[in-house]
Amino acid sequence: MAVAADEICEMAIIISFEIYNFRPSSHFKIKLEHEILLHPKYFGPNLTETVKTKLFSDVEGTCSGKYGFIIAVTNIEHIGAGIIQPNRGFVQYRIVYRAIVYRPFKGEVVDAIVTQVTKVGVFAEAGPLTIFISKYSVPSNIKFEGAETTTDGLNDEDEEETQTVQIEDRIRIRIIGLRVDASDIVSFAYFKDFIQCNQHCLNSK
């Protein structure tokens, strides 16, 4: 059965949209809950704004092993009635809000900045995420600045192409594993490439 050109075009648009729509993403917008305690000295005409400010300071920049890193609160949907705490005078508020969270996943490729170089590997950061790249996950032509490394097994041509990783280098890595705790997420990664490599890492060793 023949298919018109405009029908083929429409089908291609739909397929492209579906592929894009299901592309894995590590950033999500989700609904969360949080409880805060306020001292009586904050009770007054600006109470609602004080509750919101307290929420922002409590949750933004924190990490939940279940949901990931809370990047930013985008909307406050409900502030419950305050409940006075017996014998304390503090008031507890239950807040329902929406936030953008970052939850890394295995296989994700991210850009990171090197923060520490050791004999056993490299530590880097991608936003709030701490990343460890073992020396066994780094190509043989990569050396660590400041760490005792060797180029044994490399021929002369390999040595000319050797690059050095040091603090503040921008690198691209692929996450190969995650360690999730109640209040933190640490990833383990494989080194892929330098990004806008500094001059020192272009120099042959």
N, C-alpha and C. Protein backbone atom coordinates (compact mmCIF):
# COMPACT_ATOMS: atom_id res chain seq x y z
N MET A 1 0.85 -1.20 0.00
CA MET A 1 0.00 0.00 0.00
C MET A 1 0.88 1.24 0.00
N ALA A 2 0.64 2.14 -0.91
CA ALA A 2 1.44 3.36 -1.01
C ALA A 2 1.12 4.30 0.13
N VAL A 3 2.14 5.02 0.57
CA VAL A 3 1.97 5.97 1.66
C VAL A 3 2.40 7.34 1.16
N ALA A 4 1.56 8.34 1.34
CA ALA A 4 1.84 9.68 0.87
C ALA A 4 3.02 10.27 1.61
N ALA A 5 3.70 11.20 0.93
CA ALA A 5 4.89 11.82 1.53
C ALA A 5 4.57 12.54 2.83
N ASP A 6 3.40 13.23 2.85
CA ASP A 6 3.06 13.97 4.06
C ASP A 6 2.76 13.03 5.22
N GLU A 7 2.24 11.81 4.92
CA GLU A 7 1.98 10.83 5.97
C GLU A 7 3.29 10.29 6.53
N ILE A 8 4.28 10.07 5.65
CA ILE A 8 5.60 9.61 6.10
C ILE A 8 6.23 10.65 7.01
N CYS A 9 6.11 11.92 6.61
CA CYS A 9 6.66 13.01 7.41
C CYS A 9 6.02 13.05 8.79
N GLU A 10 4.70 12.91 8.82
CA GLU A 10 3.97 12.93 10.09
C GLU A 10 4.39 11.76 10.97
N MET A 11 4.57 10.59 10.37
CA MET A 11 5.00 9.42 11.13
C MET A 11 6.39 9.64 11.72
N ALA A 12 7.28 10.25 10.94
CA ALA A 12 8.64 10.51 11.41
C ALA A 12 8.64 11.46 12.59
N ILE A 13 7.78 12.49 12.53
CA ILE A 13 7.68 13.45 13.62
C ILE A 13 7.21 12.75 14.90
N ILE A 14 6.19 11.88 14.76
CA ILE A 14 5.66 11.16 15.92
C ILE A 14 6.73 10.27 16.53
N ILE A 15 7.46 9.52 15.68
CA ILE A 15 8.50 8.63 16.17
C ILE A 15 9.60 9.42 16.87
N SER A 16 10.02 10.54 16.28
CA SER A 16 11.06 11.37 16.87
C SER A 16 10.62 11.89 18.24
N PHE A 17 9.35 12.31 18.32
CA PHE A 17 8.82 12.82 19.57
C PHE A 17 8.82 11.74 20.64
N GLU A 18 8.41 10.51 20.27
CA GLU A 18 8.35 9.43 21.23
C GLU A 18 9.75 9.09 21.75
N ILE A 19 10.74 9.05 20.84
CA ILE A 19 12.11 8.75 21.27
C ILE A 19 12.61 9.81 22.22
N TYR A 20 12.37 11.08 21.90
CA TYR A 20 12.81 12.17 22.76
C TYR A 20 12.09 12.12 24.09
N ASN A 21 10.81 11.78 24.07
CA ASN A 21 10.00 11.78 25.27
C ASN A 21 10.46 10.72 26.26
N PHE A 22 11.02 9.61 25.77
CA PHE A 22 11.42 8.52 26.64
C PHE A 22 12.93 8.50 26.88
N ARG A 23 13.63 9.55 26.50
CA ARG A 23 15.06 9.62 26.74
C ARG A 23 15.31 9.69 28.24
N PRO A 24 16.21 8.85 28.79
CA PRO A 24 16.45 8.85 30.23
C PRO A 24 16.90 10.22 30.71
N SER A 25 16.40 10.63 31.85
CA SER A 25 16.77 11.90 32.44
C SER A 25 17.04 11.70 33.92
N SER A 26 18.03 12.41 34.43
CA SER A 26 18.37 12.28 35.84
C SER A 26 17.76 13.41 36.67
N HIS A 27 17.07 14.34 36.03
CA HIS A 27 16.41 15.44 36.74
C HIS A 27 14.89 15.23 36.70
N PHE A 28 14.26 15.37 37.87
CA PHE A 28 12.83 15.13 37.97
C PHE A 28 12.18 16.25 38.78
N LYS A 29 10.90 16.45 38.54
CA LYS A 29 10.11 17.36 39.36
C LYS A 29 9.10 16.52 40.11
N ILE A 30 9.22 16.48 41.43
CA ILE A 30 8.38 15.58 42.23
C ILE A 30 7.76 16.32 43.41
N LYS A 31 6.74 15.67 43.99
CA LYS A 31 6.07 16.22 45.17
C LYS A 31 6.70 15.61 46.43
N LEU A 32 7.01 16.47 47.39
CA LEU A 32 7.65 16.02 48.62
C LEU A 32 6.96 16.66 49.83
N GLU A 33 7.27 16.15 51.00
CA GLU A 33 6.74 16.70 52.24
C GLU A 33 7.89 16.98 53.20
N HIS A 34 7.68 18.00 54.04
CA HIS A 34 8.71 18.34 55.02
C HIS A 34 8.03 18.99 56.23
N GLU A 35 8.58 18.74 57.40
CA GLU A 35 8.07 19.34 58.63
C GLU A 35 9.12 20.27 59.22
N ILE A 36 8.67 21.44 59.66
CA ILE A 36 9.59 22.39 60.29
C ILE A 36 9.06 22.77 61.67
N LEU A 37 9.97 23.24 62.53
CA LEU A 37 9.63 23.75 63.85
C LEU A 37 10.00 25.22 63.91
N LEU A 38 9.07 26.03 64.39
CA LEU A 38 9.32 27.47 64.52
C LEU A 38 9.21 27.90 65.97
N HIS A 39 10.15 28.77 66.37
CA HIS A 39 10.12 29.36 67.70
C HIS A 39 9.03 30.43 67.75
N PRO A 40 8.39 30.62 68.90
CA PRO A 40 7.33 31.64 69.01
C PRO A 40 7.74 33.05 68.60
N LYS A 41 9.03 33.35 68.67
CA LYS A 41 9.47 34.71 68.32
C LYS A 41 9.21 35.04 66.85
N TYR A 42 8.97 34.01 66.02
CA TYR A 42 8.71 34.25 64.61
C TYR A 42 7.23 34.46 64.29
N PHE A 43 6.38 34.31 65.29
CA PHE A 43 4.95 34.46 65.04
C PHE A 43 4.64 35.94 64.84
N GLY A 44 3.91 36.24 63.75
CA GLY A 44 3.61 37.63 63.46
C GLY A 44 3.03 37.75 62.07
N PRO A 45 2.95 38.97 61.54
CA PRO A 45 2.33 39.19 60.22
C PRO A 45 3.09 38.53 59.07
N ASN A 46 4.37 38.24 59.26
CA ASN A 46 5.17 37.63 58.19
C ASN A 46 5.39 36.14 58.41
N LEU A 47 4.48 35.51 59.15
CA LEU A 47 4.65 34.11 59.51
C LEU A 47 4.76 33.20 58.29
N THR A 48 3.88 33.41 57.30
CA THR A 48 3.89 32.55 56.11
C THR A 48 5.21 32.63 55.37
N GLU A 49 5.72 33.85 55.19
CA GLU A 49 7.01 34.02 54.51
C GLU A 49 8.14 33.38 55.31
N THR A 50 8.04 33.46 56.63
CA THR A 50 9.06 32.84 57.49
C THR A 50 9.05 31.33 57.33
N VAL A 51 7.85 30.74 57.25
CA VAL A 51 7.72 29.29 57.04
C VAL A 51 8.35 28.89 55.71
N LYS A 52 8.08 29.67 54.66
CA LYS A 52 8.64 29.36 53.33
C LYS A 52 10.17 29.45 53.35
N THR A 53 10.68 30.52 53.96
CA THR A 53 12.13 30.70 54.03
C THR A 53 12.79 29.56 54.78
N LYS A 54 12.16 29.12 55.86
CA LYS A 54 12.68 28.00 56.64
C LYS A 54 12.69 26.72 55.80
N LEU A 55 11.66 26.51 55.01
CA LEU A 55 11.61 25.33 54.13
C LEU A 55 12.78 25.36 53.14
N PHE A 56 12.97 26.51 52.48
CA PHE A 56 14.05 26.63 51.49
C PHE A 56 15.41 26.30 52.12
N SER A 57 15.67 26.87 53.30
CA SER A 57 16.98 26.67 53.94
C SER A 57 17.15 25.24 54.43
N ASP A 58 16.03 24.58 54.78
CA ASP A 58 16.10 23.20 55.29
C ASP A 58 16.37 22.18 54.20
N VAL A 59 15.75 22.36 53.02
CA VAL A 59 15.76 21.27 52.03
C VAL A 59 16.63 21.52 50.81
N GLU A 60 16.75 22.75 50.35
CA GLU A 60 17.53 22.99 49.13
C GLU A 60 19.01 22.70 49.37
N GLY A 61 19.60 21.94 48.47
CA GLY A 61 21.00 21.57 48.61
C GLY A 61 21.25 20.33 49.43
N THR A 62 20.17 19.71 49.93
CA THR A 62 20.33 18.48 50.70
C THR A 62 20.13 17.27 49.80
N CYS A 63 20.38 16.09 50.35
CA CYS A 63 20.26 14.86 49.57
C CYS A 63 19.44 13.83 50.33
N SER A 64 18.56 13.18 49.62
CA SER A 64 17.80 12.05 50.15
C SER A 64 18.19 10.82 49.34
N GLY A 65 18.58 9.76 50.05
CA GLY A 65 18.96 8.54 49.35
C GLY A 65 17.83 8.01 48.49
N LYS A 66 16.60 8.30 48.88
CA LYS A 66 15.44 7.79 48.14
C LYS A 66 15.15 8.61 46.89
N TYR A 67 15.23 9.95 47.00
CA TYR A 67 14.83 10.81 45.89
C TYR A 67 15.99 11.46 45.16
N GLY A 68 17.14 11.62 45.80
CA GLY A 68 18.27 12.27 45.19
C GLY A 68 18.54 13.64 45.79
N PHE A 69 19.30 14.45 45.06
CA PHE A 69 19.66 15.79 45.52
C PHE A 69 18.52 16.77 45.22
N ILE A 70 18.10 17.50 46.25
CA ILE A 70 17.05 18.50 46.05
C ILE A 70 17.72 19.79 45.56
N ILE A 71 17.50 20.10 44.29
CA ILE A 71 18.15 21.26 43.68
C ILE A 71 17.43 22.56 44.03
N ALA A 72 16.11 22.59 43.85
CA ALA A 72 15.36 23.82 44.11
C ALA A 72 13.90 23.52 44.35
N VAL A 73 13.30 24.25 45.27
CA VAL A 73 11.85 24.19 45.49
C VAL A 73 11.19 25.05 44.43
N THR A 74 10.24 24.48 43.71
CA THR A 74 9.58 25.23 42.62
C THR A 74 8.19 25.72 43.01
N ASN A 75 7.55 25.05 43.97
CA ASN A 75 6.19 25.45 44.32
C ASN A 75 5.82 24.88 45.68
N ILE A 76 5.15 25.68 46.48
CA ILE A 76 4.63 25.21 47.77
C ILE A 76 3.13 25.02 47.61
N GLU A 77 2.68 23.78 47.73
CA GLU A 77 1.28 23.47 47.47
C GLU A 77 0.40 23.60 48.72
N HIS A 78 0.97 23.32 49.89
CA HIS A 78 0.12 23.37 51.09
C HIS A 78 0.99 23.55 52.33
N ILE A 79 0.55 24.45 53.20
CA ILE A 79 1.17 24.62 54.52
C ILE A 79 0.10 24.26 55.55
N GLY A 80 0.33 23.20 56.30
CA GLY A 80 -0.66 22.74 57.27
C GLY A 80 -0.80 23.67 58.46
N ALA A 81 -1.86 23.45 59.21
CA ALA A 81 -2.08 24.23 60.43
C ALA A 81 -0.98 23.92 61.43
N GLY A 82 -0.51 24.94 62.12
CA GLY A 82 0.56 24.74 63.10
C GLY A 82 0.10 23.92 64.29
N ILE A 83 0.95 23.04 64.75
CA ILE A 83 0.65 22.20 65.92
C ILE A 83 1.64 22.56 67.02
N ILE A 84 1.10 23.05 68.15
CA ILE A 84 1.95 23.45 69.27
C ILE A 84 2.55 22.21 69.94
N GLN A 85 3.86 22.24 70.15
CA GLN A 85 4.54 21.13 70.81
C GLN A 85 4.43 21.28 72.32
N PRO A 86 3.90 20.26 73.00
CA PRO A 86 3.70 20.34 74.46
C PRO A 86 5.00 20.65 75.20
N ASN A 87 4.92 21.54 76.16
CA ASN A 87 6.01 21.89 77.08
C ASN A 87 7.20 22.56 76.38
N ARG A 88 7.05 22.93 75.10
CA ARG A 88 8.16 23.55 74.40
C ARG A 88 7.82 24.92 73.84
N GLY A 89 6.60 25.08 73.38
CA GLY A 89 6.20 26.36 72.80
C GLY A 89 6.45 26.46 71.31
N PHE A 90 7.26 25.55 70.78
CA PHE A 90 7.49 25.53 69.35
C PHE A 90 6.24 25.07 68.62
N VAL A 91 6.13 25.49 67.34
CA VAL A 91 4.99 25.07 66.52
C VAL A 91 5.51 24.31 65.31
N GLN A 92 4.88 23.18 65.04
CA GLN A 92 5.28 22.33 63.92
C GLN A 92 4.35 22.55 62.73
N TYR A 93 4.97 22.73 61.55
CA TYR A 93 4.20 22.90 60.32
C TYR A 93 4.58 21.79 59.34
N ARG A 94 3.55 21.19 58.75
CA ARG A 94 3.77 20.18 57.71
C ARG A 94 3.54 20.85 56.37
N ILE A 95 4.53 20.75 55.48
CA ILE A 95 4.50 21.45 54.20
C ILE A 95 4.56 20.45 53.05
N VAL A 96 3.69 20.63 52.07
CA VAL A 96 3.72 19.85 50.84
C VAL A 96 4.24 20.75 49.74
N TYR A 97 5.28 20.32 49.04
CA TYR A 97 5.89 21.17 48.03
C TYR A 97 6.38 20.34 46.84
N ARG A 98 6.68 21.02 45.76
CA ARG A 98 7.28 20.38 44.58
C ARG A 98 8.70 20.92 44.41
N ALA A 99 9.58 20.04 43.96
CA ALA A 99 10.98 20.43 43.81
C ALA A 99 11.62 19.71 42.64
N ILE A 100 12.68 20.32 42.11
CA ILE A 100 13.51 19.66 41.10
C ILE A 100 14.59 18.89 41.82
N VAL A 101 14.69 17.60 41.54
CA VAL A 101 15.70 16.76 42.17
C VAL A 101 16.61 16.15 41.11
N TYR A 102 17.83 15.87 41.52
CA TYR A 102 18.81 15.23 40.63
C TYR A 102 19.13 13.85 41.18
N ARG A 103 18.77 12.83 40.42
CA ARG A 103 19.02 11.44 40.81
C ARG A 103 19.88 10.78 39.73
N PRO A 104 21.20 10.66 39.94
CA PRO A 104 22.07 10.05 38.93
C PRO A 104 21.73 8.58 38.71
N PHE A 105 22.03 8.07 37.52
CA PHE A 105 21.74 6.66 37.25
C PHE A 105 22.94 6.01 36.56
N LYS A 106 23.03 4.70 36.70
CA LYS A 106 24.13 3.94 36.12
C LYS A 106 24.09 4.05 34.60
N GLY A 107 25.25 4.34 34.00
CA GLY A 107 25.35 4.50 32.56
C GLY A 107 25.26 5.95 32.11
N GLU A 108 24.91 6.85 33.01
CA GLU A 108 24.80 8.27 32.66
C GLU A 108 26.19 8.87 32.40
N VAL A 109 26.28 9.70 31.38
CA VAL A 109 27.52 10.41 31.06
C VAL A 109 27.39 11.85 31.58
N VAL A 110 28.34 12.27 32.41
CA VAL A 110 28.28 13.62 32.98
C VAL A 110 29.64 14.30 32.85
N ASP A 111 29.61 15.62 32.88
CA ASP A 111 30.83 16.42 32.90
C ASP A 111 31.14 16.79 34.35
N ALA A 112 32.41 16.69 34.73
CA ALA A 112 32.78 16.91 36.12
C ALA A 112 34.09 17.68 36.20
N ILE A 113 34.38 18.19 37.40
CA ILE A 113 35.61 18.90 37.68
C ILE A 113 36.41 18.11 38.71
N VAL A 114 37.68 17.87 38.42
CA VAL A 114 38.54 17.11 39.32
C VAL A 114 38.80 17.92 40.59
N THR A 115 38.60 17.29 41.76
CA THR A 115 38.81 17.97 43.03
C THR A 115 39.96 17.40 43.83
N GLN A 116 40.33 16.14 43.54
CA GLN A 116 41.43 15.51 44.28
C GLN A 116 42.04 14.39 43.44
N VAL A 117 43.35 14.28 43.49
CA VAL A 117 44.07 13.23 42.76
C VAL A 117 44.89 12.43 43.76
N THR A 118 44.71 11.12 43.78
CA THR A 118 45.44 10.26 44.71
C THR A 118 46.08 9.10 43.94
N LYS A 119 46.81 8.26 44.66
CA LYS A 119 47.45 7.11 44.03
C LYS A 119 46.43 6.09 43.54
N VAL A 120 45.28 6.05 44.19
CA VAL A 120 44.29 5.02 43.85
C VAL A 120 43.25 5.50 42.84
N GLY A 121 43.21 6.80 42.58
CA GLY A 121 42.23 7.29 41.63
C GLY A 121 41.98 8.79 41.75
N VAL A 122 40.90 9.21 41.12
CA VAL A 122 40.57 10.63 41.03
C VAL A 122 39.20 10.88 41.63
N PHE A 123 39.08 11.94 42.41
CA PHE A 123 37.78 12.40 42.90
C PHE A 123 37.36 13.62 42.08
N ALA A 124 36.09 13.68 41.75
CA ALA A 124 35.57 14.81 40.96
C ALA A 124 34.17 15.14 41.45
N GLU A 125 33.68 16.29 41.02
CA GLU A 125 32.32 16.72 41.38
C GLU A 125 31.57 17.15 40.13
N ALA A 126 30.31 16.77 40.08
CA ALA A 126 29.39 17.23 39.03
C ALA A 126 28.19 17.82 39.74
N GLY A 127 28.22 19.13 39.95
CA GLY A 127 27.18 19.74 40.77
C GLY A 127 27.29 19.21 42.19
N PRO A 128 26.21 18.69 42.75
CA PRO A 128 26.26 18.18 44.13
C PRO A 128 26.82 16.76 44.23
N LEU A 129 27.04 16.11 43.10
CA LEU A 129 27.44 14.70 43.10
C LEU A 129 28.95 14.54 43.23
N THR A 130 29.36 13.69 44.20
CA THR A 130 30.77 13.32 44.35
C THR A 130 31.03 12.06 43.55
N ILE A 131 32.13 12.07 42.79
CA ILE A 131 32.44 10.96 41.88
C ILE A 131 33.85 10.45 42.16
N PHE A 132 34.01 9.13 42.17
CA PHE A 132 35.33 8.53 42.30
C PHE A 132 35.63 7.72 41.05
N ILE A 133 36.79 7.99 40.43
CA ILE A 133 37.23 7.25 39.26
C ILE A 133 38.48 6.46 39.65
N SER A 134 38.37 5.17 39.77
CA SER A 134 39.50 4.32 40.15
C SER A 134 40.58 4.37 39.07
N LYS A 135 41.83 4.19 39.48
CA LYS A 135 42.92 4.17 38.50
C LYS A 135 42.74 3.02 37.50
N TYR A 136 41.98 2.00 37.89
CA TYR A 136 41.74 0.88 36.99
C TYR A 136 40.65 1.20 35.96
N SER A 137 39.98 2.35 36.15
CA SER A 137 38.95 2.78 35.19
C SER A 137 39.43 3.95 34.35
N VAL A 138 40.74 4.16 34.33
CA VAL A 138 41.34 5.25 33.57
C VAL A 138 42.23 4.65 32.48
N PRO A 139 42.16 5.15 31.24
CA PRO A 139 43.02 4.63 30.17
C PRO A 139 44.49 4.66 30.54
N SER A 140 45.27 3.77 29.96
CA SER A 140 46.68 3.61 30.32
C SER A 140 47.53 4.82 29.97
N ASN A 141 47.06 5.68 29.07
CA ASN A 141 47.86 6.85 28.69
C ASN A 141 47.53 8.09 29.53
N ILE A 142 46.80 7.89 30.63
CA ILE A 142 46.46 8.99 31.53
C ILE A 142 47.27 8.84 32.81
N LYS A 143 47.95 9.92 33.22
CA LYS A 143 48.70 9.93 34.47
C LYS A 143 48.04 10.90 35.44
N PHE A 144 48.32 10.71 36.76
CA PHE A 144 47.76 11.56 37.81
C PHE A 144 48.83 12.54 38.30
N GLU A 145 48.55 13.82 38.17
CA GLU A 145 49.48 14.85 38.65
C GLU A 145 49.56 14.78 40.17
N GLY A 146 50.80 14.67 40.70
CA GLY A 146 50.98 14.66 42.15
C GLY A 146 50.93 13.28 42.75
N ALA A 147 50.55 12.27 41.95
CA ALA A 147 50.50 10.90 42.46
C ALA A 147 51.61 10.10 41.81
N GLU A 148 52.10 9.09 42.53
CA GLU A 148 53.16 8.25 41.99
C GLU A 148 52.57 7.31 40.95
N THR A 149 52.84 7.58 39.69
CA THR A 149 52.31 6.75 38.62
C THR A 149 53.46 6.29 37.74
N THR A 150 53.19 5.34 36.90
CA THR A 150 54.23 4.80 36.03
C THR A 150 53.69 4.62 34.63
N THR A 151 54.58 4.69 33.67
CA THR A 151 54.18 4.46 32.29
C THR A 151 54.75 3.15 31.78
N ASP A 152 55.05 2.23 32.71
CA ASP A 152 55.56 0.92 32.32
C ASP A 152 54.58 0.24 31.38
N GLY A 153 55.09 -0.34 30.32
CA GLY A 153 54.22 -1.04 29.39
C GLY A 153 53.82 -0.19 28.21
N LEU A 154 54.15 1.12 28.27
CA LEU A 154 53.82 2.00 27.16
C LEU A 154 55.02 2.11 26.22
N ASN A 155 54.77 2.11 24.93
CA ASN A 155 55.87 2.31 23.99
C ASN A 155 56.11 3.81 23.81
N ASP A 156 57.13 4.17 23.01
CA ASP A 156 57.49 5.58 22.85
C ASP A 156 56.35 6.40 22.31
N GLU A 157 55.59 5.83 21.36
CA GLU A 157 54.47 6.56 20.77
C GLU A 157 53.40 6.82 21.81
N ASP A 158 53.14 5.82 22.69
CA ASP A 158 52.14 5.99 23.75
C ASP A 158 52.57 7.09 24.71
N GLU A 159 53.88 7.10 25.06
CA GLU A 159 54.36 8.08 26.02
C GLU A 159 54.20 9.49 25.49
N GLU A 160 54.36 9.67 24.17
CA GLU A 160 54.19 10.99 23.59
C GLU A 160 52.75 11.46 23.69
N GLU A 161 51.81 10.53 23.76
CA GLU A 161 50.39 10.89 23.81
C GLU A 161 49.85 10.88 25.24
N THR A 162 50.71 10.63 26.23
CA THR A 162 50.27 10.57 27.62
C THR A 162 49.74 11.93 28.07
N GLN A 163 48.62 11.91 28.77
CA GLN A 163 48.03 13.13 29.31
C GLN A 163 48.00 13.03 30.82
N THR A 164 47.97 14.18 31.47
CA THR A 164 48.01 14.23 32.93
C THR A 164 46.72 14.83 33.48
N VAL A 165 46.17 14.16 34.49
CA VAL A 165 44.98 14.67 35.16
C VAL A 165 45.41 15.38 36.44
N GLN A 166 44.90 16.58 36.66
CA GLN A 166 45.19 17.26 37.91
C GLN A 166 43.96 18.06 38.35
N ILE A 167 44.05 18.61 39.56
CA ILE A 167 42.91 19.32 40.15
C ILE A 167 42.46 20.46 39.24
N GLU A 168 41.13 20.61 39.14
CA GLU A 168 40.43 21.64 38.36
C GLU A 168 40.32 21.29 36.88
N ASP A 169 40.84 20.13 36.46
CA ASP A 169 40.60 19.70 35.08
C ASP A 169 39.12 19.37 34.90
N ARG A 170 38.61 19.66 33.72
CA ARG A 170 37.25 19.30 33.36
C ARG A 170 37.29 17.99 32.59
N ILE A 171 36.55 17.00 33.07
CA ILE A 171 36.58 15.68 32.45
C ILE A 171 35.16 15.19 32.18
N ARG A 172 35.06 14.24 31.28
CA ARG A 172 33.77 13.60 30.99
C ARG A 172 33.85 12.14 31.42
N ILE A 173 32.87 11.70 32.20
CA ILE A 173 32.92 10.35 32.75
C ILE A 173 31.57 9.65 32.54
N ARG A 174 31.61 8.32 32.66
CA ARG A 174 30.38 7.53 32.61
C ARG A 174 30.21 6.83 33.96
N ILE A 175 29.05 7.01 34.57
CA ILE A 175 28.78 6.40 35.88
C ILE A 175 28.60 4.90 35.71
N ILE A 176 29.36 4.13 36.51
CA ILE A 176 29.28 2.67 36.42
C ILE A 176 28.73 2.06 37.70
N GLY A 177 28.55 2.87 38.74
CA GLY A 177 28.00 2.35 39.98
C GLY A 177 27.64 3.48 40.93
N LEU A 178 26.75 3.20 41.88
CA LEU A 178 26.31 4.20 42.85
C LEU A 178 26.30 3.61 44.26
N ARG A 179 26.73 4.42 45.22
CA ARG A 179 26.58 4.05 46.63
C ARG A 179 25.57 5.01 47.24
N VAL A 180 24.44 4.48 47.66
CA VAL A 180 23.34 5.31 48.15
C VAL A 180 23.19 5.12 49.65
N ASP A 181 23.31 6.23 50.40
CA ASP A 181 23.07 6.23 51.84
C ASP A 181 21.78 7.00 52.11
N ALA A 182 21.42 7.09 53.38
CA ALA A 182 20.18 7.79 53.75
C ALA A 182 20.24 9.26 53.37
N SER A 183 21.45 9.86 53.43
CA SER A 183 21.54 11.30 53.18
C SER A 183 22.63 11.67 52.17
N ASP A 184 23.06 10.71 51.36
CA ASP A 184 24.10 11.03 50.39
C ASP A 184 24.12 9.99 49.26
N ILE A 185 24.65 10.42 48.11
CA ILE A 185 24.85 9.52 46.97
C ILE A 185 26.25 9.77 46.44
N VAL A 186 27.03 8.71 46.31
CA VAL A 186 28.38 8.78 45.75
C VAL A 186 28.43 7.87 44.54
N SER A 187 29.02 8.34 43.46
CA SER A 187 29.07 7.52 42.24
C SER A 187 30.49 7.07 41.94
N PHE A 188 30.58 5.94 41.24
CA PHE A 188 31.85 5.41 40.75
C PHE A 188 31.77 5.45 39.23
N ALA A 189 32.87 5.85 38.60
CA ALA A 189 32.77 6.15 37.17
C ALA A 189 33.98 5.68 36.40
N TYR A 190 33.80 5.66 35.07
CA TYR A 190 34.86 5.33 34.11
C TYR A 190 35.23 6.61 33.38
N PHE A 191 36.52 6.88 33.29
CA PHE A 191 37.00 8.09 32.60
C PHE A 191 36.78 7.97 31.10
N LYS A 192 36.18 9.02 30.50
CA LYS A 192 35.95 9.01 29.05
C LYS A 192 36.87 9.96 28.31
N ASP A 193 36.94 11.23 28.76
CA ASP A 193 37.72 12.20 27.99
C ASP A 193 37.91 13.48 28.79
N PHE A 194 38.87 14.29 28.33
CA PHE A 194 39.01 15.64 28.83
C PHE A 194 38.00 16.55 28.13
N ILE A 195 37.62 17.65 28.80
CA ILE A 195 36.74 18.64 28.18
C ILE A 195 37.48 19.98 28.23
N GLN A 196 37.64 20.59 27.06
CA GLN A 196 38.36 21.87 26.98
C GLN A 196 39.64 21.76 27.80
N CYS A 197 40.41 20.77 27.49
CA CYS A 197 41.59 20.41 28.26
C CYS A 197 42.55 21.59 28.42
N ASN A 198 43.05 21.77 29.67
CA ASN A 198 44.03 22.83 29.91
C ASN A 198 45.34 22.49 29.20
N GLN A 199 46.19 23.50 29.03
CA GLN A 199 47.41 23.31 28.26
C GLN A 199 48.32 22.26 28.88
N HIS A 200 48.34 22.18 30.24
CA HIS A 200 49.27 21.24 30.88
C HIS A 200 48.97 19.80 30.52
N CYS A 201 47.67 19.48 30.27
CA CYS A 201 47.34 18.08 29.99
C CYS A 201 47.51 17.76 28.51
N LEU A 202 47.86 18.77 27.72
CA LEU A 202 48.15 18.52 26.31
C LEU A 202 49.64 18.31 26.06
N ASN A 203 50.43 18.68 27.07
CA ASN A 203 51.87 18.53 26.93
C ASN A 203 52.26 17.06 27.01
N SER A 204 53.11 16.62 26.13
CA SER A 204 53.57 15.24 26.18
C SER A 204 54.49 15.05 27.37
N LYS A 205 54.45 13.88 27.94
CA LYS A 205 55.27 13.55 29.11
C LYS A 205 56.35 12.57 28.69
